Structure formats: C-alpha cells, structure tokens
Amino acid sequence: MLNMVSILLGLVALSVAILGLFPFIGIVNWLALPIAALGGAIGAMSSSNAGRNLNIFVLILAALRLSLGGGIL
C-alpha cells in the first residue's frame, strides 16, 4: 500500500517536473522537490523499491534542472 502511494506521489511530482523542463517555467521544480521527497520517504518505508526509485529519479531531474537554470529559470 505504501508503495502505491509513493508511486502516485512520484507520478504527480514527475508531471510537475516535466512541466518545469520548459523554458521560463523552471520555478515549478521547487514544487516538485518536496512532493518527490515526501514520496521517497513513504517509498523508503515500503517493502518494494519501485516508488522510492521513481521519486529519487524525479528529485535528481528537478534538482538538475534547477541548477542549470540558476534556481529560477
């Protein structure tokens, strides 16, 4: 059950992070980071690794995009 919640949060964070890949909308990645961190924490409590791994991927994607854009762009 926790893994499904983690995957759901990961999918929400991934959709926000994909939106943040477009130019001048990168600031929405600040919203994707806490959602993915919460999903990763829930996924860590689960017996399966799929949700945790998805959220780690989203965290890396959003952080990389924020670092390339200087945190705003």
PDB file of N, CA and C in Angstrom:
ATOM      1  N   MET A   1       0.819  -1.196   0.000  1.00  0.00           N
ATOM      2  CA  MET A   1       0.000   0.000   0.000  1.00  0.00           C
ATOM      3  C   MET A   1       0.864   1.261   0.000  1.00  0.00           C
ATOM      4  N   LEU A   2       1.914   1.269   0.814  1.00  0.00           N
ATOM      5  CA  LEU A   2       2.799   2.438   0.854  1.00  0.00           C
ATOM      6  C   LEU A   2       3.511   2.646  -0.476  1.00  0.00           C
ATOM      7  N   ASN A   3       3.825   1.538  -1.159  1.00  0.00           N
ATOM      8  CA  ASN A   3       4.492   1.652  -2.443  1.00  0.00           C
ATOM      9  C   ASN A   3       3.575   2.301  -3.474  1.00  0.00           C
ATOM     10  N   MET A   4       2.288   1.984  -3.436  1.00  0.00           N
ATOM     11  CA  MET A   4       1.346   2.594  -4.379  1.00  0.00           C
ATOM     12  C   MET A   4       1.193   4.085  -4.112  1.00  0.00           C
ATOM     13  N   VAL A   5       1.163   4.476  -2.853  1.00  0.00           N
ATOM     14  CA  VAL A   5       1.093   5.901  -2.509  1.00  0.00           C
ATOM     15  C   VAL A   5       2.353   6.610  -2.978  1.00  0.00           C
ATOM     16  N   SER A   6       3.503   5.964  -2.804  1.00  0.00           N
ATOM     17  CA  SER A   6       4.767   6.534  -3.233  1.00  0.00           C
ATOM     18  C   SER A   6       4.816   6.695  -4.746  1.00  0.00           C
ATOM     19  N   ILE A   7       4.345   5.703  -5.469  1.00  0.00           N
ATOM     20  CA  ILE A   7       4.322   5.795  -6.933  1.00  0.00           C
ATOM     21  C   ILE A   7       3.371   6.895  -7.377  1.00  0.00           C
ATOM     22  N   LEU A   8       2.221   7.021  -6.730  1.00  0.00           N
ATOM     23  CA  LEU A   8       1.280   8.090  -7.068  1.00  0.00           C
ATOM     24  C   LEU A   8       1.902   9.463  -6.859  1.00  0.00           C
ATOM     25  N   LEU A   9       2.566   9.648  -5.716  1.00  0.00           N
ATOM     26  CA  LEU A   9       3.234  10.924  -5.461  1.00  0.00           C
ATOM     27  C   LEU A   9       4.359  11.146  -6.462  1.00  0.00           C
ATOM     28  N   GLY A  10       5.051  10.085  -6.835  1.00  0.00           N
ATOM     29  CA  GLY A  10       6.114  10.192  -7.822  1.00  0.00           C
ATOM     30  C   GLY A  10       5.595  10.607  -9.184  1.00  0.00           C
ATOM     31  N   LEU A  11       4.447  10.075  -9.573  1.00  0.00           N
ATOM     32  CA  LEU A  11       3.863  10.457 -10.860  1.00  0.00           C
ATOM     33  C   LEU A  11       3.400  11.907 -10.863  1.00  0.00           C
ATOM     34  N   VAL A  12       2.848  12.355  -9.746  1.00  0.00           N
ATOM     35  CA  VAL A  12       2.448  13.764  -9.640  1.00  0.00           C
ATOM     36  C   VAL A  12       3.686  14.663  -9.718  1.00  0.00           C
ATOM     37  N   ALA A  13       4.728  14.292  -8.976  1.00  0.00           N
ATOM     38  CA  ALA A  13       5.963  15.080  -8.994  1.00  0.00           C
ATOM     39  C   ALA A  13       6.616  15.046 -10.361  1.00  0.00           C
ATOM     40  N   LEU A  14       6.543  13.900 -11.043  1.00  0.00           N
ATOM     41  CA  LEU A  14       7.136  13.798 -12.380  1.00  0.00           C
ATOM     42  C   LEU A  14       6.398  14.673 -13.371  1.00  0.00           C
ATOM     43  N   SER A  15       5.080  14.740 -13.283  1.00  0.00           N
ATOM     44  CA  SER A  15       4.325  15.603 -14.197  1.00  0.00           C
ATOM     45  C   SER A  15       4.654  17.074 -13.954  1.00  0.00           C
ATOM     46  N   VAL A  16       4.839  17.452 -12.692  1.00  0.00           N
ATOM     47  CA  VAL A  16       5.227  18.833 -12.387  1.00  0.00           C
ATOM     48  C   VAL A  16       6.652  19.096 -12.872  1.00  0.00           C
ATOM     49  N   ALA A  17       7.544  18.128 -12.699  1.00  0.00           N
ATOM     50  CA  ALA A  17       8.936  18.297 -13.118  1.00  0.00           C
ATOM     51  C   ALA A  17       9.053  18.370 -14.640  1.00  0.00           C
ATOM     52  N   ILE A  18       8.246  17.604 -15.352  1.00  0.00           N
ATOM     53  CA  ILE A  18       8.268  17.674 -16.813  1.00  0.00           C
ATOM     54  C   ILE A  18       7.773  19.038 -17.275  1.00  0.00           C
ATOM     55  N   LEU A  19       6.769  19.576 -16.610  1.00  0.00           N
ATOM     56  CA  LEU A  19       6.308  20.934 -16.924  1.00  0.00           C
ATOM     57  C   LEU A  19       7.431  21.933 -16.677  1.00  0.00           C
ATOM     58  N   GLY A  20       8.224  21.697 -15.650  1.00  0.00           N
ATOM     59  CA  GLY A  20       9.320  22.599 -15.322  1.00  0.00           C
ATOM     60  C   GLY A  20      10.506  22.506 -16.259  1.00  0.00           C
ATOM     61  N   LEU A  21      10.514  21.555 -17.186  1.00  0.00           N
ATOM     62  CA  LEU A  21      11.607  21.459 -18.148  1.00  0.00           C
ATOM     63  C   LEU A  21      11.504  22.509 -19.247  1.00  0.00           C
ATOM     64  N   PHE A  22      10.322  23.057 -19.446  1.00  0.00           N
ATOM     65  CA  PHE A  22      10.142  24.068 -20.468  1.00  0.00           C
ATOM     66  C   PHE A  22      10.793  25.381 -20.032  1.00  0.00           C
ATOM     67  N   PRO A  23      11.307  26.150 -20.975  1.00  0.00           N
ATOM     68  CA  PRO A  23      11.956  27.414 -20.622  1.00  0.00           C
ATOM     69  C   PRO A  23      11.005  28.371 -19.904  1.00  0.00           C
ATOM     70  N   PHE A  24      11.527  29.072 -18.928  1.00  0.00           N
ATOM     71  CA  PHE A  24      10.832  30.098 -18.142  1.00  0.00           C
ATOM     72  C   PHE A  24       9.742  29.546 -17.232  1.00  0.00           C
ATOM     73  N   ILE A  25       9.629  28.221 -17.105  1.00  0.00           N
ATOM     74  CA  ILE A  25       8.680  27.631 -16.165  1.00  0.00           C
ATOM     75  C   ILE A  25       9.441  26.754 -15.179  1.00  0.00           C
ATOM     76  N   GLY A  26      10.752  26.894 -15.116  1.00  0.00           N
ATOM     77  CA  GLY A  26      11.585  26.057 -14.276  1.00  0.00           C
ATOM     78  C   GLY A  26      11.338  26.231 -12.792  1.00  0.00           C
ATOM     79  N   ILE A  27      10.716  27.327 -12.398  1.00  0.00           N
ATOM     80  CA  ILE A  27      10.495  27.592 -10.983  1.00  0.00           C
ATOM     81  C   ILE A  27       9.498  26.599 -10.375  1.00  0.00           C
ATOM     82  N   VAL A  28       8.684  25.929 -11.194  1.00  0.00           N
ATOM     83  CA  VAL A  28       7.742  24.950 -10.644  1.00  0.00           C
ATOM     84  C   VAL A  28       8.460  23.702 -10.141  1.00  0.00           C
ATOM     85  N   ASN A  29       9.747  23.567 -10.469  1.00  0.00           N
ATOM     86  CA  ASN A  29      10.511  22.444  -9.922  1.00  0.00           C
ATOM     87  C   ASN A  29      10.677  22.577  -8.418  1.00  0.00           C
ATOM     88  N   TRP A  30      10.555  23.791  -7.889  1.00  0.00           N
ATOM     89  CA  TRP A  30      10.569  23.957  -6.435  1.00  0.00           C
ATOM     90  C   TRP A  30       9.352  23.294  -5.816  1.00  0.00           C
ATOM     91  N   LEU A  31       8.286  23.134  -6.562  1.00  0.00           N
ATOM     92  CA  LEU A  31       7.109  22.419  -6.087  1.00  0.00           C
ATOM     93  C   LEU A  31       7.296  20.908  -6.219  1.00  0.00           C
ATOM     94  N   ALA A  32       8.012  20.488  -7.256  1.00  0.00           N
ATOM     95  CA  ALA A  32       8.223  19.052  -7.482  1.00  0.00           C
ATOM     96  C   ALA A  32       9.169  18.454  -6.440  1.00  0.00           C
ATOM     97  N   LEU A  33      10.115  19.223  -5.945  1.00  0.00           N
ATOM     98  CA  LEU A  33      11.089  18.695  -4.989  1.00  0.00           C
ATOM     99  C   LEU A  33      10.465  18.195  -3.684  1.00  0.00           C
ATOM    100  N   PRO A  34       9.621  18.977  -3.005  1.00  0.00           N
ATOM    101  CA  PRO A  34       9.047  18.442  -1.761  1.00  0.00           C
ATOM    102  C   PRO A  34       8.062  17.294  -1.982  1.00  0.00           C
ATOM    103  N   ILE A  35       7.355  17.310  -3.116  1.00  0.00           N
ATOM    104  CA  ILE A  35       6.437  16.208  -3.402  1.00  0.00           C
ATOM    105  C   ILE A  35       7.233  14.917  -3.595  1.00  0.00           C
ATOM    106  N   ALA A  36       8.330  15.005  -4.346  1.00  0.00           N
ATOM    107  CA  ALA A  36       9.160  13.826  -4.584  1.00  0.00           C
ATOM    108  C   ALA A  36       9.864  13.380  -3.306  1.00  0.00           C
ATOM    109  N   ALA A  37      10.260  14.326  -2.464  1.00  0.00           N
ATOM    110  CA  ALA A  37      10.910  13.954  -1.200  1.00  0.00           C
ATOM    111  C   ALA A  37       9.929  13.229  -0.283  1.00  0.00           C
ATOM    112  N   LEU A  38       8.689  13.696  -0.240  1.00  0.00           N
ATOM    113  CA  LEU A  38       7.663  13.021   0.557  1.00  0.00           C
ATOM    114  C   LEU A  38       7.390  11.624   0.003  1.00  0.00           C
ATOM    115  N   GLY A  39       7.294  11.518  -1.315  1.00  0.00           N
ATOM    116  CA  GLY A  39       7.087  10.214  -1.938  1.00  0.00           C
ATOM    117  C   GLY A  39       8.254   9.279  -1.705  1.00  0.00           C
ATOM    118  N   GLY A  40       9.470   9.814  -1.716  1.00  0.00           N
ATOM    119  CA  GLY A  40      10.641   8.988  -1.438  1.00  0.00           C
ATOM    120  C   GLY A  40      10.679   8.503  -0.005  1.00  0.00           C
ATOM    121  N   ALA A  41      10.251   9.344   0.914  1.00  0.00           N
ATOM    122  CA  ALA A  41      10.205   8.936   2.323  1.00  0.00           C
ATOM    123  C   ALA A  41       9.162   7.848   2.551  1.00  0.00           C
ATOM    124  N   ILE A  42       8.026   7.993   1.895  1.00  0.00           N
ATOM    125  CA  ILE A  42       6.991   6.961   2.009  1.00  0.00           C
ATOM    126  C   ILE A  42       7.466   5.685   1.323  1.00  0.00           C
ATOM    127  N   GLY A  43       8.142   5.825   0.188  1.00  0.00           N
ATOM    128  CA  GLY A  43       8.664   4.665  -0.520  1.00  0.00           C
ATOM    129  C   GLY A  43       9.747   3.942   0.251  1.00  0.00           C
ATOM    130  N   ALA A  44      10.492   4.663   1.069  1.00  0.00           N
ATOM    131  CA  ALA A  44      11.530   4.030   1.885  1.00  0.00           C
ATOM    132  C   ALA A  44      10.924   3.151   2.970  1.00  0.00           C
ATOM    133  N   MET A  45       9.720   3.476   3.400  1.00  0.00           N
ATOM    134  CA  MET A  45       9.047   2.663   4.411  1.00  0.00           C
ATOM    135  C   MET A  45       8.379   1.431   3.812  1.00  0.00           C
ATOM    136  N   SER A  46       8.289   1.390   2.487  1.00  0.00           N
ATOM    137  CA  SER A  46       7.636   0.283   1.809  1.00  0.00           C
ATOM    138  C   SER A  46       8.593  -0.891   1.651  1.00  0.00           C
ATOM    139  N   SER A  47       8.029  -2.060   1.394  1.00  0.00           N
ATOM    140  CA  SER A  47       8.866  -3.247   1.190  1.00  0.00           C
ATOM    141  C   SER A  47       9.407  -3.312  -0.235  1.00  0.00           C
ATOM    142  N   SER A  48       8.819  -2.584  -1.164  1.00  0.00           N
ATOM    143  CA  SER A  48       9.268  -2.572  -2.556  1.00  0.00           C
ATOM    144  C   SER A  48      10.071  -1.304  -2.832  1.00  0.00           C
ATOM    145  N   ASN A  49      10.876  -1.329  -3.867  1.00  0.00           N
ATOM    146  CA  ASN A  49      11.753  -0.201  -4.171  1.00  0.00           C
ATOM    147  C   ASN A  49      11.278   0.662  -5.338  1.00  0.00           C
ATOM    148  N   ALA A  50      10.231   0.281  -6.022  1.00  0.00           N
ATOM    149  CA  ALA A  50       9.827   0.979  -7.244  1.00  0.00           C
ATOM    150  C   ALA A  50       9.435   2.431  -6.980  1.00  0.00           C
ATOM    151  N   GLY A  51       8.631   2.670  -5.982  1.00  0.00           N
ATOM    152  CA  GLY A  51       8.202   4.036  -5.675  1.00  0.00           C
ATOM    153  C   GLY A  51       9.350   4.908  -5.221  1.00  0.00           C
ATOM    154  N   ARG A  52      10.221   4.351  -4.384  1.00  0.00           N
ATOM    155  CA  ARG A  52      11.384   5.103  -3.911  1.00  0.00           C
ATOM    156  C   ARG A  52      12.297   5.468  -5.072  1.00  0.00           C
ATOM    157  N   ASN A  53      12.535   4.507  -5.973  1.00  0.00           N
ATOM    158  CA  ASN A  53      13.415   4.771  -7.111  1.00  0.00           C
ATOM    159  C   ASN A  53      12.830   5.806  -8.053  1.00  0.00           C
ATOM    160  N   LEU A  54      11.529   5.778  -8.271  1.00  0.00           N
ATOM    161  CA  LEU A  54      10.878   6.784  -9.110  1.00  0.00           C
ATOM    162  C   LEU A  54      11.046   8.169  -8.507  1.00  0.00           C
ATOM    163  N   ASN A  55      10.855   8.287  -7.217  1.00  0.00           N
ATOM    164  CA  ASN A  55      10.973   9.586  -6.561  1.00  0.00           C
ATOM    165  C   ASN A  55      12.410  10.080  -6.525  1.00  0.00           C
ATOM    166  N   ILE A  56      13.361   9.181  -6.404  1.00  0.00           N
ATOM    167  CA  ILE A  56      14.768   9.590  -6.466  1.00  0.00           C
ATOM    168  C   ILE A  56      15.090  10.123  -7.850  1.00  0.00           C
ATOM    169  N   PHE A  57      14.564   9.465  -8.888  1.00  0.00           N
ATOM    170  CA  PHE A  57      14.762   9.952 -10.254  1.00  0.00           C
ATOM    171  C   PHE A  57      14.174  11.348 -10.431  1.00  0.00           C
ATOM    172  N   VAL A  58      12.973  11.564  -9.913  1.00  0.00           N
ATOM    173  CA  VAL A  58      12.331  12.879 -10.034  1.00  0.00           C
ATOM    174  C   VAL A  58      13.118  13.934  -9.253  1.00  0.00           C
ATOM    175  N   LEU A  59      13.621  13.574  -8.077  1.00  0.00           N
ATOM    176  CA  LEU A  59      14.438  14.508  -7.295  1.00  0.00           C
ATOM    177  C   LEU A  59      15.682  14.926  -8.067  1.00  0.00           C
ATOM    178  N   ILE A  60      16.354  13.961  -8.684  1.00  0.00           N
ATOM    179  CA  ILE A  60      17.559  14.265  -9.448  1.00  0.00           C
ATOM    180  C   ILE A  60      17.221  15.126 -10.663  1.00  0.00           C
ATOM    181  N   LEU A  61      16.140  14.787 -11.365  1.00  0.00           N
ATOM    182  CA  LEU A  61      15.721  15.549 -12.539  1.00  0.00           C
ATOM    183  C   LEU A  61      15.397  16.996 -12.178  1.00  0.00           C
ATOM    184  N   ALA A  62      14.614  17.196 -11.132  1.00  0.00           N
ATOM    185  CA  ALA A  62      14.218  18.554 -10.736  1.00  0.00           C
ATOM    186  C   ALA A  62      15.415  19.347 -10.213  1.00  0.00           C
ATOM    187  N   ALA A  63      16.279  18.703  -9.438  1.00  0.00           N
ATOM    188  CA  ALA A  63      17.447  19.413  -8.913  1.00  0.00           C
ATOM    189  C   ALA A  63      18.422  19.787 -10.026  1.00  0.00           C
ATOM    190  N   LEU A  64      18.588  18.890 -10.990  1.00  0.00           N
ATOM    191  CA  LEU A  64      19.475  19.194 -12.111  1.00  0.00           C
ATOM    192  C   LEU A  64      18.928  20.356 -12.927  1.00  0.00           C
ATOM    193  N   ARG A  65      17.633  20.353 -13.185  1.00  0.00           N
ATOM    194  CA  ARG A  65      17.012  21.449 -13.945  1.00  0.00           C
ATOM    195  C   ARG A  65      17.120  22.773 -13.176  1.00  0.00           C
ATOM    196  N   LEU A  66      16.942  22.728 -11.871  1.00  0.00           N
ATOM    197  CA  LEU A  66      17.066  23.954 -11.078  1.00  0.00           C
ATOM    198  C   LEU A  66      18.506  24.460 -11.084  1.00  0.00           C
ATOM    199  N   SER A  67      19.463  23.561 -11.019  1.00  0.00           N
ATOM    200  CA  SER A  67      20.859  24.001 -11.016  1.00  0.00           C
ATOM    201  C   SER A  67      21.256  24.583 -12.368  1.00  0.00           C
ATOM    202  N   LEU A  68      20.734  24.036 -13.436  1.00  0.00           N
ATOM    203  CA  LEU A  68      21.049  24.574 -14.769  1.00  0.00           C
ATOM    204  C   LEU A  68      20.402  25.951 -14.987  1.00  0.00           C
ATOM    205  N   GLY A  69      19.243  26.147 -14.407  1.00  0.00           N
ATOM    206  CA  GLY A  69      18.539  27.422 -14.588  1.00  0.00           C
ATOM    207  C   GLY A  69      18.850  28.447 -13.522  1.00  0.00           C
ATOM    208  N   GLY A  70      19.748  28.150 -12.616  1.00  0.00           N
ATOM    209  CA  GLY A  70      20.085  29.105 -11.573  1.00  0.00           C
ATOM    210  C   GLY A  70      19.051  29.187 -10.472  1.00  0.00           C
ATOM    211  N   GLY A  71      18.150  28.225 -10.391  1.00  0.00           N
ATOM    212  CA  GLY A  71      17.155  28.200  -9.332  1.00  0.00           C
ATOM    213  C   GLY A  71      15.860  28.909  -9.675  1.00  0.00           C
ATOM    214  N   ILE A  72      15.838  29.643 -10.763  1.00  0.00           N
ATOM    215  CA  ILE A  72      14.630  30.402 -11.095  1.00  0.00           C
ATOM    216  C   ILE A  72      14.113  30.054 -12.485  1.00  0.00           C
ATOM    217  N   LEU A  73      14.977  30.121 -13.474  1.00  0.00           N
ATOM    218  CA  LEU A  73      14.539  29.923 -14.855  1.00  0.00           C
ATOM    219  C   LEU A  73      14.280  28.466 -15.122  1.00  0.00           C
TER     220      LEU A  73
END
